[in-house]
Amino acid sequence: MSATYDVEQKQLVQRQTELQEFIDKSKEQTLNVDSFHKVVRKYTDITEITSEIIRSFVERIDVYKPEMVPGTRTKKQTTCIHWNFIGAVDTPAEHEKTA
């Protein structure tokens, strides 16, 4: 009986730790969203993009090595924009335009 009690206590402590990490992560995400909304509200009527606006929204831009496109003489270069407060956002792959 004591052995099952000890096992259950260890499981409960582990579960408590997991839940606390989840709560902390959720609070951080909420703060990030609130901060991002504050910046967005500040720039609702943009008429010209300035360096201040870019610095407010963009944390960093990663530019990757150009790669050859198979069957052509062109190269494709990939970039990844990391936004302040929300990080990099995955965009769906480009779809070919149909005529």
PDB file of N, CA and C in Angstrom:
ATOM      1  N   MET A   1       0.822  -1.182   0.000  1.00  0.00           N
ATOM      2  CA  MET A   1       0.000   0.000   0.000  1.00  0.00           C
ATOM      3  C   MET A   1       0.878   1.262   0.000  1.00  0.00           C
ATOM      4  N   SER A   2       1.945   1.246   0.777  1.00  0.00           N
ATOM      5  CA  SER A   2       2.851   2.378   0.846  1.00  0.00           C
ATOM      6  C   SER A   2       3.554   2.608  -0.498  1.00  0.00           C
ATOM      7  N   ALA A   3       3.872   1.537  -1.210  1.00  0.00           N
ATOM      8  CA  ALA A   3       4.549   1.660  -2.499  1.00  0.00           C
ATOM      9  C   ALA A   3       3.644   2.354  -3.510  1.00  0.00           C
ATOM     10  N   THR A   4       2.378   2.008  -3.565  1.00  0.00           N
ATOM     11  CA  THR A   4       1.456   2.654  -4.509  1.00  0.00           C
ATOM     12  C   THR A   4       1.249   4.121  -4.142  1.00  0.00           C
ATOM     13  N   TYR A   5       1.252   4.410  -2.847  1.00  0.00           N
ATOM     14  CA  TYR A   5       1.122   5.796  -2.396  1.00  0.00           C
ATOM     15  C   TYR A   5       2.309   6.628  -2.880  1.00  0.00           C
ATOM     16  N   ASP A   6       3.529   6.086  -2.729  1.00  0.00           N
ATOM     17  CA  ASP A   6       4.731   6.794  -3.175  1.00  0.00           C
ATOM     18  C   ASP A   6       4.723   7.016  -4.679  1.00  0.00           C
ATOM     19  N   VAL A   7       4.308   6.011  -5.437  1.00  0.00           N
ATOM     20  CA  VAL A   7       4.242   6.134  -6.895  1.00  0.00           C
ATOM     21  C   VAL A   7       3.240   7.215  -7.287  1.00  0.00           C
ATOM     22  N   GLU A   8       2.083   7.184  -6.627  1.00  0.00           N
ATOM     23  CA  GLU A   8       1.052   8.174  -6.930  1.00  0.00           C
ATOM     24  C   GLU A   8       1.541   9.587  -6.594  1.00  0.00           C
ATOM     25  N   GLN A   9       2.235   9.748  -5.485  1.00  0.00           N
ATOM     26  CA  GLN A   9       2.764  11.056  -5.095  1.00  0.00           C
ATOM     27  C   GLN A   9       3.771  11.574  -6.131  1.00  0.00           C
ATOM     28  N   LYS A  10       4.650  10.697  -6.617  1.00  0.00           N
ATOM     29  CA  LYS A  10       5.625  11.095  -7.644  1.00  0.00           C
ATOM     30  C   LYS A  10       4.916  11.521  -8.924  1.00  0.00           C
ATOM     31  N   GLN A  11       3.871  10.793  -9.295  1.00  0.00           N
ATOM     32  CA  GLN A  11       3.116  11.131 -10.498  1.00  0.00           C
ATOM     33  C   GLN A  11       2.420  12.487 -10.334  1.00  0.00           C
ATOM     34  N   LEU A  12       1.883  12.724  -9.152  1.00  0.00           N
ATOM     35  CA  LEU A  12       1.205  13.990  -8.908  1.00  0.00           C
ATOM     36  C   LEU A  12       2.176  15.171  -8.913  1.00  0.00           C
ATOM     37  N   VAL A  13       3.346  14.983  -8.352  1.00  0.00           N
ATOM     38  CA  VAL A  13       4.360  16.039  -8.361  1.00  0.00           C
ATOM     39  C   VAL A  13       4.798  16.326  -9.792  1.00  0.00           C
ATOM     40  N   GLN A  14       4.992  15.281 -10.578  1.00  0.00           N
ATOM     41  CA  GLN A  14       5.386  15.449 -11.979  1.00  0.00           C
ATOM     42  C   GLN A  14       4.285  16.178 -12.753  1.00  0.00           C
ATOM     43  N   ARG A  15       3.050  15.795 -12.529  1.00  0.00           N
ATOM     44  CA  ARG A  15       1.914  16.428 -13.205  1.00  0.00           C
ATOM     45  C   ARG A  15       1.796  17.896 -12.800  1.00  0.00           C
ATOM     46  N   GLN A  16       2.045  18.172 -11.528  1.00  0.00           N
ATOM     47  CA  GLN A  16       2.002  19.550 -11.049  1.00  0.00           C
ATOM     48  C   GLN A  16       3.054  20.400 -11.764  1.00  0.00           C
ATOM     49  N   THR A  17       4.252  19.855 -11.927  1.00  0.00           N
ATOM     50  CA  THR A  17       5.326  20.557 -12.620  1.00  0.00           C
ATOM     51  C   THR A  17       4.945  20.822 -14.072  1.00  0.00           C
ATOM     52  N   GLU A  18       4.383  19.825 -14.744  1.00  0.00           N
ATOM     53  CA  GLU A  18       3.969  19.983 -16.141  1.00  0.00           C
ATOM     54  C   GLU A  18       2.898  21.063 -16.276  1.00  0.00           C
ATOM     55  N   LEU A  19       1.931  21.050 -15.380  1.00  0.00           N
ATOM     56  CA  LEU A  19       0.849  22.038 -15.438  1.00  0.00           C
ATOM     57  C   LEU A  19       1.365  23.448 -15.158  1.00  0.00           C
ATOM     58  N   GLN A  20       2.307  23.576 -14.217  1.00  0.00           N
ATOM     59  CA  GLN A  20       2.874  24.885 -13.925  1.00  0.00           C
ATOM     60  C   GLN A  20       3.637  25.424 -15.130  1.00  0.00           C
ATOM     61  N   GLU A  21       4.390  24.563 -15.831  1.00  0.00           N
ATOM     62  CA  GLU A  21       5.097  24.979 -17.044  1.00  0.00           C
ATOM     63  C   GLU A  21       4.110  25.430 -18.112  1.00  0.00           C
ATOM     64  N   PHE A  22       2.993  24.704 -18.243  1.00  0.00           N
ATOM     65  CA  PHE A  22       1.967  25.060 -19.215  1.00  0.00           C
ATOM     66  C   PHE A  22       1.360  26.417 -18.882  1.00  0.00           C
ATOM     67  N   ILE A  23       1.084  26.664 -17.611  1.00  0.00           N
ATOM     68  CA  ILE A  23       0.516  27.942 -17.184  1.00  0.00           C
ATOM     69  C   ILE A  23       1.497  29.079 -17.451  1.00  0.00           C
ATOM     70  N   ASP A  24       2.767  28.880 -17.126  1.00  0.00           N
ATOM     71  CA  ASP A  24       3.782  29.906 -17.360  1.00  0.00           C
ATOM     72  C   ASP A  24       3.906  30.228 -18.847  1.00  0.00           C
ATOM     73  N   LYS A  25       3.897  29.199 -19.680  1.00  0.00           N
ATOM     74  CA  LYS A  25       3.999  29.399 -21.128  1.00  0.00           C
ATOM     75  C   LYS A  25       2.779  30.153 -21.654  1.00  0.00           C
ATOM     76  N   SER A  26       1.607  29.815 -21.147  1.00  0.00           N
ATOM     77  CA  SER A  26       0.376  30.489 -21.570  1.00  0.00           C
ATOM     78  C   SER A  26       0.389  31.963 -21.173  1.00  0.00           C
ATOM     79  N   LYS A  27       0.867  32.253 -19.966  1.00  0.00           N
ATOM     80  CA  LYS A  27       0.960  33.651 -19.520  1.00  0.00           C
ATOM     81  C   LYS A  27       1.914  34.436 -20.408  1.00  0.00           C
ATOM     82  N   GLU A  28       3.043  33.825 -20.762  1.00  0.00           N
ATOM     83  CA  GLU A  28       4.020  34.492 -21.621  1.00  0.00           C
ATOM     84  C   GLU A  28       3.425  34.776 -22.996  1.00  0.00           C
ATOM     85  N   GLN A  29       2.692  33.810 -23.548  1.00  0.00           N
ATOM     86  CA  GLN A  29       2.059  34.013 -24.851  1.00  0.00           C
ATOM     87  C   GLN A  29       1.027  35.130 -24.787  1.00  0.00           C
ATOM     88  N   THR A  30       0.272  35.187 -23.704  1.00  0.00           N
ATOM     89  CA  THR A  30      -0.732  36.242 -23.538  1.00  0.00           C
ATOM     90  C   THR A  30      -0.063  37.606 -23.477  1.00  0.00           C
ATOM     91  N   LEU A  31       1.034  37.704 -22.737  1.00  0.00           N
ATOM     92  CA  LEU A  31       1.763  38.973 -22.662  1.00  0.00           C
ATOM     93  C   LEU A  31       2.309  39.368 -24.029  1.00  0.00           C
ATOM     94  N   ASN A  32       2.816  38.382 -24.788  1.00  0.00           N
ATOM     95  CA  ASN A  32       3.339  38.669 -26.117  1.00  0.00           C
ATOM     96  C   ASN A  32       2.244  39.170 -27.047  1.00  0.00           C
ATOM     97  N   VAL A  33       1.088  38.555 -26.985  1.00  0.00           N
ATOM     98  CA  VAL A  33      -0.032  38.979 -27.835  1.00  0.00           C
ATOM     99  C   VAL A  33      -0.471  40.386 -27.452  1.00  0.00           C
ATOM    100  N   ASP A  34      -0.572  40.658 -26.161  1.00  0.00           N
ATOM    101  CA  ASP A  34      -0.963  41.995 -25.713  1.00  0.00           C
ATOM    102  C   ASP A  34       0.055  43.047 -26.167  1.00  0.00           C
ATOM    103  N   SER A  35       1.330  42.732 -26.058  1.00  0.00           N
ATOM    104  CA  SER A  35       2.380  43.663 -26.493  1.00  0.00           C
ATOM    105  C   SER A  35       2.303  43.899 -27.995  1.00  0.00           C
ATOM    106  N   PHE A  36       2.073  42.835 -28.761  1.00  0.00           N
ATOM    107  CA  PHE A  36       1.959  42.957 -30.215  1.00  0.00           C
ATOM    108  C   PHE A  36       0.750  43.817 -30.581  1.00  0.00           C
ATOM    109  N   HIS A  37      -0.373  43.615 -29.909  1.00  0.00           N
ATOM    110  CA  HIS A  37      -1.567  44.425 -30.186  1.00  0.00           C
ATOM    111  C   HIS A  37      -1.315  45.903 -29.887  1.00  0.00           C
ATOM    112  N   LYS A  38      -0.556  46.172 -28.841  1.00  0.00           N
ATOM    113  CA  LYS A  38      -0.236  47.559 -28.495  1.00  0.00           C
ATOM    114  C   LYS A  38       0.549  48.219 -29.633  1.00  0.00           C
ATOM    115  N   VAL A  39       1.526  47.508 -30.190  1.00  0.00           N
ATOM    116  CA  VAL A  39       2.313  48.050 -31.296  1.00  0.00           C
ATOM    117  C   VAL A  39       1.430  48.233 -32.529  1.00  0.00           C
ATOM    118  N   VAL A  40       0.571  47.260 -32.816  1.00  0.00           N
ATOM    119  CA  VAL A  40      -0.301  47.341 -33.986  1.00  0.00           C
ATOM    120  C   VAL A  40      -1.243  48.540 -33.858  1.00  0.00           C
ATOM    121  N   ARG A  41      -1.821  48.736 -32.692  1.00  0.00           N
ATOM    122  CA  ARG A  41      -2.733  49.868 -32.482  1.00  0.00           C
ATOM    123  C   ARG A  41      -2.020  51.213 -32.675  1.00  0.00           C
ATOM    124  N   LYS A  42      -0.736  51.256 -32.324  1.00  0.00           N
ATOM    125  CA  LYS A  42       0.042  52.493 -32.466  1.00  0.00           C
ATOM    126  C   LYS A  42       0.183  52.884 -33.932  1.00  0.00           C
ATOM    127  N   TYR A  43       0.235  51.888 -34.819  1.00  0.00           N
ATOM    128  CA  TYR A  43       0.464  52.155 -36.241  1.00  0.00           C
ATOM    129  C   TYR A  43      -0.749  51.750 -37.090  1.00  0.00           C
ATOM    130  N   THR A  44      -1.928  52.211 -36.742  1.00  0.00           N
ATOM    131  CA  THR A  44      -3.123  51.830 -37.505  1.00  0.00           C
ATOM    132  C   THR A  44      -3.276  52.617 -38.793  1.00  0.00           C
ATOM    133  N   ASP A  45      -2.774  53.827 -38.846  1.00  0.00           N
ATOM    134  CA  ASP A  45      -2.913  54.669 -40.046  1.00  0.00           C
ATOM    135  C   ASP A  45      -1.551  54.939 -40.678  1.00  0.00           C
ATOM    136  N   ILE A  46      -0.888  53.899 -41.131  1.00  0.00           N
ATOM    137  CA  ILE A  46       0.435  54.048 -41.736  1.00  0.00           C
ATOM    138  C   ILE A  46       0.278  54.590 -43.158  1.00  0.00           C
ATOM    139  N   THR A  47       0.968  55.687 -43.450  1.00  0.00           N
ATOM    140  CA  THR A  47       0.975  56.221 -44.810  1.00  0.00           C
ATOM    141  C   THR A  47       2.329  55.997 -45.475  1.00  0.00           C
ATOM    142  N   GLU A  48       3.344  55.738 -44.646  1.00  0.00           N
ATOM    143  CA  GLU A  48       4.695  55.533 -45.163  1.00  0.00           C
ATOM    144  C   GLU A  48       5.440  54.612 -44.197  1.00  0.00           C
ATOM    145  N   ILE A  49       6.132  53.636 -44.736  1.00  0.00           N
ATOM    146  CA  ILE A  49       6.905  52.728 -43.886  1.00  0.00           C
ATOM    147  C   ILE A  49       8.241  53.382 -43.564  1.00  0.00           C
ATOM    148  N   THR A  50       8.507  53.518 -42.274  1.00  0.00           N
ATOM    149  CA  THR A  50       9.759  54.115 -41.824  1.00  0.00           C
ATOM    150  C   THR A  50      10.593  53.056 -41.105  1.00  0.00           C
ATOM    151  N   SER A  51      11.834  53.394 -40.846  1.00  0.00           N
ATOM    152  CA  SER A  51      12.706  52.457 -40.138  1.00  0.00           C
ATOM    153  C   SER A  51      12.197  52.217 -38.716  1.00  0.00           C
ATOM    154  N   GLU A  52      11.571  53.218 -38.108  1.00  0.00           N
ATOM    155  CA  GLU A  52      11.008  53.048 -36.762  1.00  0.00           C
ATOM    156  C   GLU A  52       9.896  52.003 -36.771  1.00  0.00           C
ATOM    157  N   ILE A  53       9.047  52.043 -37.775  1.00  0.00           N
ATOM    158  CA  ILE A  53       7.956  51.073 -37.880  1.00  0.00           C
ATOM    159  C   ILE A  53       8.511  49.675 -38.078  1.00  0.00           C
ATOM    160  N   ILE A  54       9.491  49.533 -38.930  1.00  0.00           N
ATOM    161  CA  ILE A  54      10.091  48.217 -39.177  1.00  0.00           C
ATOM    162  C   ILE A  54      10.721  47.681 -37.908  1.00  0.00           C
ATOM    163  N   ARG A  55      11.451  48.510 -37.180  1.00  0.00           N
ATOM    164  CA  ARG A  55      12.068  48.060 -35.923  1.00  0.00           C
ATOM    165  C   ARG A  55      11.019  47.673 -34.885  1.00  0.00           C
ATOM    166  N   SER A  56       9.855  48.301 -34.935  1.00  0.00           N
ATOM    167  CA  SER A  56       8.788  47.984 -33.984  1.00  0.00           C
ATOM    168  C   SER A  56       8.203  46.600 -34.239  1.00  0.00           C
ATOM    169  N   PHE A  57       8.160  46.198 -35.499  1.00  0.00           N
ATOM    170  CA  PHE A  57       7.518  44.937 -35.850  1.00  0.00           C
ATOM    171  C   PHE A  57       8.489  43.776 -36.060  1.00  0.00           C
ATOM    172  N   VAL A  58       9.679  44.044 -36.596  1.00  0.00           N
ATOM    173  CA  VAL A  58      10.589  42.967 -36.995  1.00  0.00           C
ATOM    174  C   VAL A  58      11.715  42.806 -35.982  1.00  0.00           C
ATOM    175  N   GLU A  59      11.862  41.559 -35.485  1.00  0.00           N
ATOM    176  CA  GLU A  59      12.968  41.252 -34.575  1.00  0.00           C
ATOM    177  C   GLU A  59      14.251  41.020 -35.369  1.00  0.00           C
ATOM    178  N   ARG A  60      14.150  40.144 -36.378  1.00  0.00           N
ATOM    179  CA  ARG A  60      15.303  39.885 -37.242  1.00  0.00           C
ATOM    180  C   ARG A  60      14.820  39.220 -38.531  1.00  0.00           C
ATOM    181  N   ILE A  61      15.687  39.268 -39.537  1.00  0.00           N
ATOM    182  CA  ILE A  61      15.401  38.614 -40.814  1.00  0.00           C
ATOM    183  C   ILE A  61      16.565  37.683 -41.121  1.00  0.00           C
ATOM    184  N   ASP A  62      16.256  36.396 -41.303  1.00  0.00           N
ATOM    185  CA  ASP A  62      17.268  35.414 -41.681  1.00  0.00           C
ATOM    186  C   ASP A  62      17.260  35.272 -43.204  1.00  0.00           C
ATOM    187  N   VAL A  63      18.433  35.396 -43.816  1.00  0.00           N
ATOM    188  CA  VAL A  63      18.561  35.229 -45.264  1.00  0.00           C
ATOM    189  C   VAL A  63      19.443  34.016 -45.492  1.00  0.00           C
ATOM    190  N   TYR A  64      18.920  33.036 -46.224  1.00  0.00           N
ATOM    191  CA  TYR A  64      19.624  31.787 -46.443  1.00  0.00           C
ATOM    192  C   TYR A  64      20.379  31.797 -47.763  1.00  0.00           C
ATOM    193  N   LYS A  65      21.300  30.880 -47.889  1.00  0.00           N
ATOM    194  CA  LYS A  65      22.138  30.742 -49.073  1.00  0.00           C
ATOM    195  C   LYS A  65      21.256  30.476 -50.300  1.00  0.00           C
ATOM    196  N   PRO A  66      21.565  31.134 -51.441  1.00  0.00           N
ATOM    197  CA  PRO A  66      20.783  30.877 -52.658  1.00  0.00           C
ATOM    198  C   PRO A  66      20.952  29.432 -53.133  1.00  0.00           C
ATOM    199  N   GLU A  67      19.875  28.877 -53.663  1.00  0.00           N
ATOM    200  CA  GLU A  67      19.894  27.504 -54.173  1.00  0.00           C
ATOM    201  C   GLU A  67      19.469  27.508 -55.634  1.00  0.00           C
ATOM    202  N   MET A  68      20.101  26.661 -56.418  1.00  0.00           N
ATOM    203  CA  MET A  68      19.737  26.547 -57.834  1.00  0.00           C
ATOM    204  C   MET A  68      18.360  25.910 -57.974  1.00  0.00           C
ATOM    205  N   VAL A  69      17.562  26.441 -58.895  1.00  0.00           N
ATOM    206  CA  VAL A  69      16.267  25.853 -59.202  1.00  0.00           C
ATOM    207  C   VAL A  69      16.501  24.801 -60.279  1.00  0.00           C
ATOM    208  N   PRO A  70      16.125  23.545 -60.022  1.00  0.00           N
ATOM    209  CA  PRO A  70      16.384  22.486 -61.003  1.00  0.00           C
ATOM    210  C   PRO A  70      15.741  22.789 -62.366  1.00  0.00           C
ATOM    211  N   GLY A  71      16.513  22.570 -63.414  1.00  0.00           N
ATOM    212  CA  GLY A  71      16.013  22.746 -64.771  1.00  0.00           C
ATOM    213  C   GLY A  71      16.059  24.176 -65.273  1.00  0.00           C
ATOM    214  N   THR A  72      16.604  25.098 -64.488  1.00  0.00           N
ATOM    215  CA  THR A  72      16.707  26.492 -64.928  1.00  0.00           C
ATOM    216  C   THR A  72      18.082  27.040 -64.586  1.00  0.00           C
ATOM    217  N   ARG A  73      18.330  28.271 -65.043  1.00  0.00           N
ATOM    218  CA  ARG A  73      19.592  28.917 -64.691  1.00  0.00           C
ATOM    219  C   ARG A  73      19.404  29.919 -63.552  1.00  0.00           C
ATOM    220  N   THR A  74      18.277  29.872 -62.905  1.00  0.00           N
ATOM    221  CA  THR A  74      17.992  30.830 -61.840  1.00  0.00           C
ATOM    222  C   THR A  74      18.257  30.235 -60.461  1.00  0.00           C
ATOM    223  N   LYS A  75      18.377  31.134 -59.504  1.00  0.00           N
ATOM    224  CA  LYS A  75      18.570  30.722 -58.117  1.00  0.00           C
ATOM    225  C   LYS A  75      17.403  31.228 -57.282  1.00  0.00           C
ATOM    226  N   LYS A  76      17.101  30.480 -56.229  1.00  0.00           N
ATOM    227  CA  LYS A  76      16.038  30.842 -55.300  1.00  0.00           C
ATOM    228  C   LYS A  76      16.678  31.111 -53.945  1.00  0.00           C
ATOM    229  N   GLN A  77      16.326  32.235 -53.350  1.00  0.00           N
ATOM    230  CA  GLN A  77      16.872  32.564 -52.045  1.00  0.00           C
ATOM    231  C   GLN A  77      15.726  32.678 -51.046  1.00  0.00           C
ATOM    232  N   THR A  78      15.854  31.975 -49.939  1.00  0.00           N
ATOM    233  CA  THR A  78      14.801  31.932 -48.928  1.00  0.00           C
ATOM    234  C   THR A  78      15.124  32.908 -47.804  1.00  0.00           C
ATOM    235  N   THR A  79      14.092  33.586 -47.331  1.00  0.00           N
ATOM    236  CA  THR A  79      14.225  34.466 -46.170  1.00  0.00           C
ATOM    237  C   THR A  79      13.187  34.066 -45.131  1.00  0.00           C
ATOM    238  N   CYS A  80      13.473  34.373 -43.880  1.00  0.00           N
ATOM    239  CA  CYS A  80      12.544  34.079 -42.786  1.00  0.00           C
ATOM    240  C   CYS A  80      12.489  35.305 -41.880  1.00  0.00           C
ATOM    241  N   ILE A  81      11.289  35.879 -41.721  1.00  0.00           N
ATOM    242  CA  ILE A  81      11.117  37.066 -40.892  1.00  0.00           C
ATOM    243  C   ILE A  81      10.655  36.636 -39.496  1.00  0.00           C
ATOM    244  N   HIS A  82      11.376  37.074 -38.493  1.00  0.00           N
ATOM    245  CA  HIS A  82      11.017  36.814 -37.091  1.00  0.00           C
ATOM    246  C   HIS A  82      10.408  38.097 -36.544  1.00  0.00           C
ATOM    247  N   TRP A  83       9.120  38.050 -36.244  1.00  0.00           N
ATOM    248  CA  TRP A  83       8.391  39.218 -35.776  1.00  0.00           C
ATOM    249  C   TRP A  83       8.566  39.381 -34.269  1.00  0.00           C
ATOM    250  N   ASN A  84       8.585  40.621 -33.810  1.00  0.00           N
ATOM    251  CA  ASN A  84       8.625  40.887 -32.374  1.00  0.00           C
ATOM    252  C   ASN A  84       7.392  40.301 -31.706  1.00  0.00           C
ATOM    253  N   PHE A  85       7.573  39.694 -30.585  1.00  0.00           N
ATOM    254  CA  PHE A  85       6.530  39.151 -29.714  1.00  0.00           C
ATOM    255  C   PHE A  85       5.909  37.852 -30.214  1.00  0.00           C
ATOM    256  N   ILE A  86       5.938  37.556 -31.515  1.00  0.00           N
ATOM    257  CA  ILE A  86       5.274  36.341 -31.992  1.00  0.00           C
ATOM    258  C   ILE A  86       6.209  35.379 -32.699  1.00  0.00           C
ATOM    259  N   GLY A  87       7.415  35.796 -33.037  1.00  0.00           N
ATOM    260  CA  GLY A  87       8.374  34.894 -33.670  1.00  0.00           C
ATOM    261  C   GLY A  87       8.129  34.725 -35.151  1.00  0.00           C
ATOM    262  N   ALA A  88       8.712  33.675 -35.715  1.00  0.00           N
ATOM    263  CA  ALA A  88       8.560  33.391 -37.140  1.00  0.00           C
ATOM    264  C   ALA A  88       7.195  32.769 -37.374  1.00  0.00           C
ATOM    265  N   VAL A  89       6.583  33.146 -38.483  1.00  0.00           N
ATOM    266  CA  VAL A  89       5.269  32.631 -38.832  1.00  0.00           C
ATOM    267  C   VAL A  89       5.419  31.796 -40.094  1.00  0.00           C
ATOM    268  N   ASP A  90       4.970  30.544 -40.031  1.00  0.00           N
ATOM    269  CA  ASP A  90       5.031  29.681 -41.207  1.00  0.00           C
ATOM    270  C   ASP A  90       3.941  30.103 -42.187  1.00  0.00           C
ATOM    271  N   THR A  91       4.339  30.266 -43.436  1.00  0.00           N
ATOM    272  CA  THR A  91       3.364  30.590 -44.482  1.00  0.00           C
ATOM    273  C   THR A  91       3.209  29.379 -45.374  1.00  0.00           C
ATOM    274  N   PRO A  92       2.028  29.170 -45.919  1.00  0.00           N
ATOM    275  CA  PRO A  92       1.850  28.022 -46.810  1.00  0.00           C
ATOM    276  C   PRO A  92       2.706  28.177 -48.060  1.00  0.00           C
ATOM    277  N   ALA A  93       3.066  27.053 -48.644  1.00  0.00           N
ATOM    278  CA  ALA A  93       3.893  27.070 -49.843  1.00  0.00           C
ATOM    279  C   ALA A  93       3.158  27.810 -50.943  1.00  0.00           C
ATOM    280  N   GLU A  94       3.940  28.482 -51.778  1.00  0.00           N
ATOM    281  CA  GLU A  94       3.337  29.224 -52.876  1.00  0.00           C
ATOM    282  C   GLU A  94       2.677  28.267 -53.856  1.00  0.00           C
ATOM    283  N   HIS A  95       1.507  28.654 -54.303  1.00  0.00           N
ATOM    284  CA  HIS A  95       0.811  27.843 -55.299  1.00  0.00           C
ATOM    285  C   HIS A  95       1.064  28.458 -56.662  1.00  0.00           C
ATOM    286  N   GLU A  96       1.249  27.612 -57.643  1.00  0.00           N
ATOM    287  CA  GLU A  96       1.463  28.110 -58.997  1.00  0.00           C
ATOM    288  C   GLU A  96       0.195  28.772 -59.494  1.00  0.00           C
ATOM    289  N   LYS A  97       0.386  29.910 -60.148  1.00  0.00           N
ATOM    290  CA  LYS A  97      -0.752  30.627 -60.685  1.00  0.00           C
ATOM    291  C   LYS A  97      -1.216  29.942 -61.962  1.00  0.00           C
ATOM    292  N   THR A  98      -2.522  29.830 -62.099  1.00  0.00           N
ATOM    293  CA  THR A  98      -3.063  29.235 -63.311  1.00  0.00           C
ATOM    294  C   THR A  98      -3.606  30.331 -64.198  1.00  0.00           C
ATOM    295  N   ALA A  99      -3.477  30.149 -65.483  1.00  0.00           N
ATOM    296  CA  ALA A  99      -3.909  31.165 -66.441  1.00  0.00           C
ATOM    297  C   ALA A  99      -5.396  31.158 -66.641  1.00  0.00           C
TER     298      ALA A  99
END
